[in-house]
C-alpha cells in the first residue's frame, strides 16, 4: 500500500504548509536570538505566535475539516502545548547536554516534531465528522 493511498494528498499539504511555516518560524527564531533573546525564551515567543495561524491553515487547507471550530481549537492548543514541551525538551537537551548550536538544536526539533503534530491532528484534532 502506497503512503498516498493511505493518507491521500493530505500529507503533502501538511508538509508544504508546515515547511513554509517552519521556515518562517526558524528565521524569526534566529532574529530573536540575534537581537538578544535567550534561545529558550525566543522559542517560547515564537512558538505561540504561530499556533493560531497553524490552526487555520491546517483546519482549512490541510485536513479540510468542517467540524466544530471551538472544540478543534481547544484540542489543537492542547496538542501544541504538549508539543511545546516536547520541543523545549529536545532543544534543551541539544543545548545543555550536547552543547549544540541553538540553530542545530531547533533544526533537530523541527525534523522530529512534525510526525507528532500530523498524527495528533489527523486522529484527534481534525478527525472526520461522523454522520450520525
Protein backbone atom coordinates (compact mmCIF):
# COMPACT_ATOMS: atom_id res chain seq x y z
CA UNK A 1 0.00 0.00 0.00
CA UNK A 2 1.41 3.35 -1.00
CA UNK A 3 1.53 6.19 1.51
CA UNK A 4 -0.62 8.37 -0.81
CA UNK A 5 -3.27 5.63 -0.91
CA UNK A 6 -3.36 5.65 2.89
CA UNK A 7 -3.36 9.40 3.51
CA UNK A 8 -4.04 11.00 0.11
CA UNK A 9 -2.55 14.36 -0.64
CA UNK A 10 -3.18 15.50 2.92
CA UNK A 11 0.39 14.54 3.88
CA UNK A 12 1.76 16.63 1.02
CA UNK A 13 -0.39 19.62 2.03
CA UNK A 14 0.70 19.16 5.65
CA UNK A 15 4.38 19.03 4.70
CA UNK A 16 4.18 22.07 2.42
CA UNK A 17 2.17 24.12 4.92
CA UNK A 18 4.40 23.04 7.80
CA UNK A 19 7.56 23.56 5.78
CA UNK A 20 6.66 27.12 4.88
CA UNK A 21 5.60 27.92 8.43
CA UNK A 22 8.71 26.25 9.92
CA UNK A 23 10.98 28.23 7.59
CA UNK A 24 9.36 31.49 8.68
CA UNK A 25 9.45 30.43 12.34
CA UNK A 26 13.12 29.40 12.15
CA UNK A 27 14.08 32.76 10.61
CA UNK A 28 12.10 34.63 13.29
CA UNK A 29 13.74 32.45 15.98
CA UNK A 30 17.22 33.31 14.72
CA UNK A 31 16.33 37.02 14.59
CA UNK A 32 15.05 36.96 18.17
CA UNK A 33 18.22 35.27 19.43
CA UNK A 34 20.44 37.62 17.42
CA UNK A 35 18.77 40.69 18.94
CA UNK A 36 19.40 39.40 22.45
CA UNK A 37 16.69 36.92 23.46
CA UNK A 38 17.73 33.74 25.24
CA UNK A 39 17.18 30.77 22.85
CA UNK A 40 14.57 29.20 25.15
CA UNK A 41 12.67 32.49 25.55
CA UNK A 42 12.80 33.03 21.78
CA UNK A 43 11.38 29.54 21.30
CA UNK A 44 8.50 30.31 23.65
CA UNK A 45 7.59 33.60 21.98
CA UNK A 46 7.97 32.18 18.51
CA UNK A 47 6.03 29.01 19.21
CA UNK A 48 2.85 30.61 20.44
CA UNK A 49 2.79 33.32 17.77
CA UNK A 50 2.37 30.60 15.16
CA UNK A 51 -0.32 28.44 16.81
CA UNK A 52 -3.35 30.37 15.57
CA UNK A 53 -2.01 30.61 12.01
CA UNK A 54 -1.23 26.89 12.00
CA UNK A 55 -4.70 26.09 13.29
CA UNK A 56 -6.42 27.97 10.48
CA UNK A 57 -4.05 26.63 7.84
CA UNK A 58 -4.36 23.03 8.95
CA UNK A 59 -8.11 23.18 9.53
CA UNK A 60 -8.95 24.68 6.14
CA UNK A 61 -6.11 23.74 3.79
CA UNK A 62 -4.63 20.51 5.10
CA UNK A 63 -7.40 18.49 6.71
CA UNK A 64 -10.37 20.35 5.18
CA UNK A 65 -12.21 19.92 8.46
CA UNK A 66 -15.76 21.22 8.71
CA UNK A 67 -16.42 20.21 12.30
CA UNK A 68 -16.83 22.38 15.38
CA UNK A 69 -14.10 25.03 15.32
CA UNK A 70 -14.11 25.70 19.07
CA UNK A 71 -13.62 22.05 20.09
CA UNK A 72 -10.97 21.63 17.41
CA UNK A 73 -9.18 24.77 18.59
CA UNK A 74 -9.15 23.56 22.21
CA UNK A 75 -7.71 20.20 21.15
CA UNK A 76 -5.24 21.93 18.84
CA UNK A 77 -3.99 24.21 21.61
CA UNK A 78 -3.60 21.22 23.95
CA UNK A 79 -1.69 19.27 21.29
CA UNK A 80 0.56 22.28 20.73
CA UNK A 81 1.00 22.86 24.46
CA UNK A 82 2.27 19.31 24.83
CA UNK A 83 4.27 19.73 21.62
CA UNK A 84 5.81 22.91 23.02
CA UNK A 85 7.15 20.96 25.99
CA UNK A 86 8.46 18.17 23.72
CA UNK A 87 10.19 20.82 21.58
CA UNK A 88 11.60 22.58 24.63
CA UNK A 89 12.98 19.28 25.92
CA UNK A 90 14.60 18.49 22.54
CA UNK A 91 16.14 21.99 22.28
CA UNK A 92 17.26 21.90 25.92
CA UNK A 93 18.90 18.50 25.50
CA UNK A 94 20.71 19.78 22.42
CA UNK A 95 21.86 22.96 24.17
CA UNK A 96 22.54 21.71 27.69
CA UNK A 97 23.70 18.10 27.27
CA UNK A 98 25.27 18.04 23.82
CA UNK A 99 26.39 21.71 23.67
CA UNK A 100 24.91 22.01 20.19
CA UNK A 101 24.40 25.35 18.49
CA UNK A 102 20.91 26.77 19.12
CA UNK A 103 20.11 26.61 15.40
CA UNK A 104 21.04 22.93 15.16
CA UNK A 105 19.06 22.14 18.32
CA UNK A 106 15.98 23.83 16.86
CA UNK A 107 16.54 22.15 13.49
CA UNK A 108 16.56 18.72 15.14
CA UNK A 109 13.29 19.51 16.91
CA UNK A 110 11.86 20.78 13.61
CA UNK A 111 12.60 17.43 11.97
CA UNK A 112 11.15 15.29 14.79
CA UNK A 113 8.03 17.19 15.80
CA UNK A 114 6.04 17.15 12.52
CA UNK A 115 5.40 13.43 12.98
CA UNK A 116 3.79 14.05 16.36
CA UNK A 117 1.77 17.01 15.06
CA UNK A 118 0.48 15.25 11.96
CA UNK A 119 -0.81 12.18 13.75
CA UNK A 120 -2.31 14.13 16.64
CA UNK A 121 -4.13 16.46 14.23
CA UNK A 122 -5.27 13.69 11.90
CA UNK A 123 -6.59 11.37 14.58
CA UNK A 124 -7.56 13.75 17.40
CA UNK A 125 -7.96 17.40 16.42
CA UNK A 126 -9.39 17.21 12.89
CA UNK A 127 -10.95 13.77 12.95
CA UNK A 128 -13.54 13.43 10.20
CA UNK A 129 -17.02 14.39 11.34
CA UNK A 130 -19.23 11.31 11.59
CA UNK A 131 -22.72 11.45 10.12
CA UNK A 132 -24.94 10.01 12.83
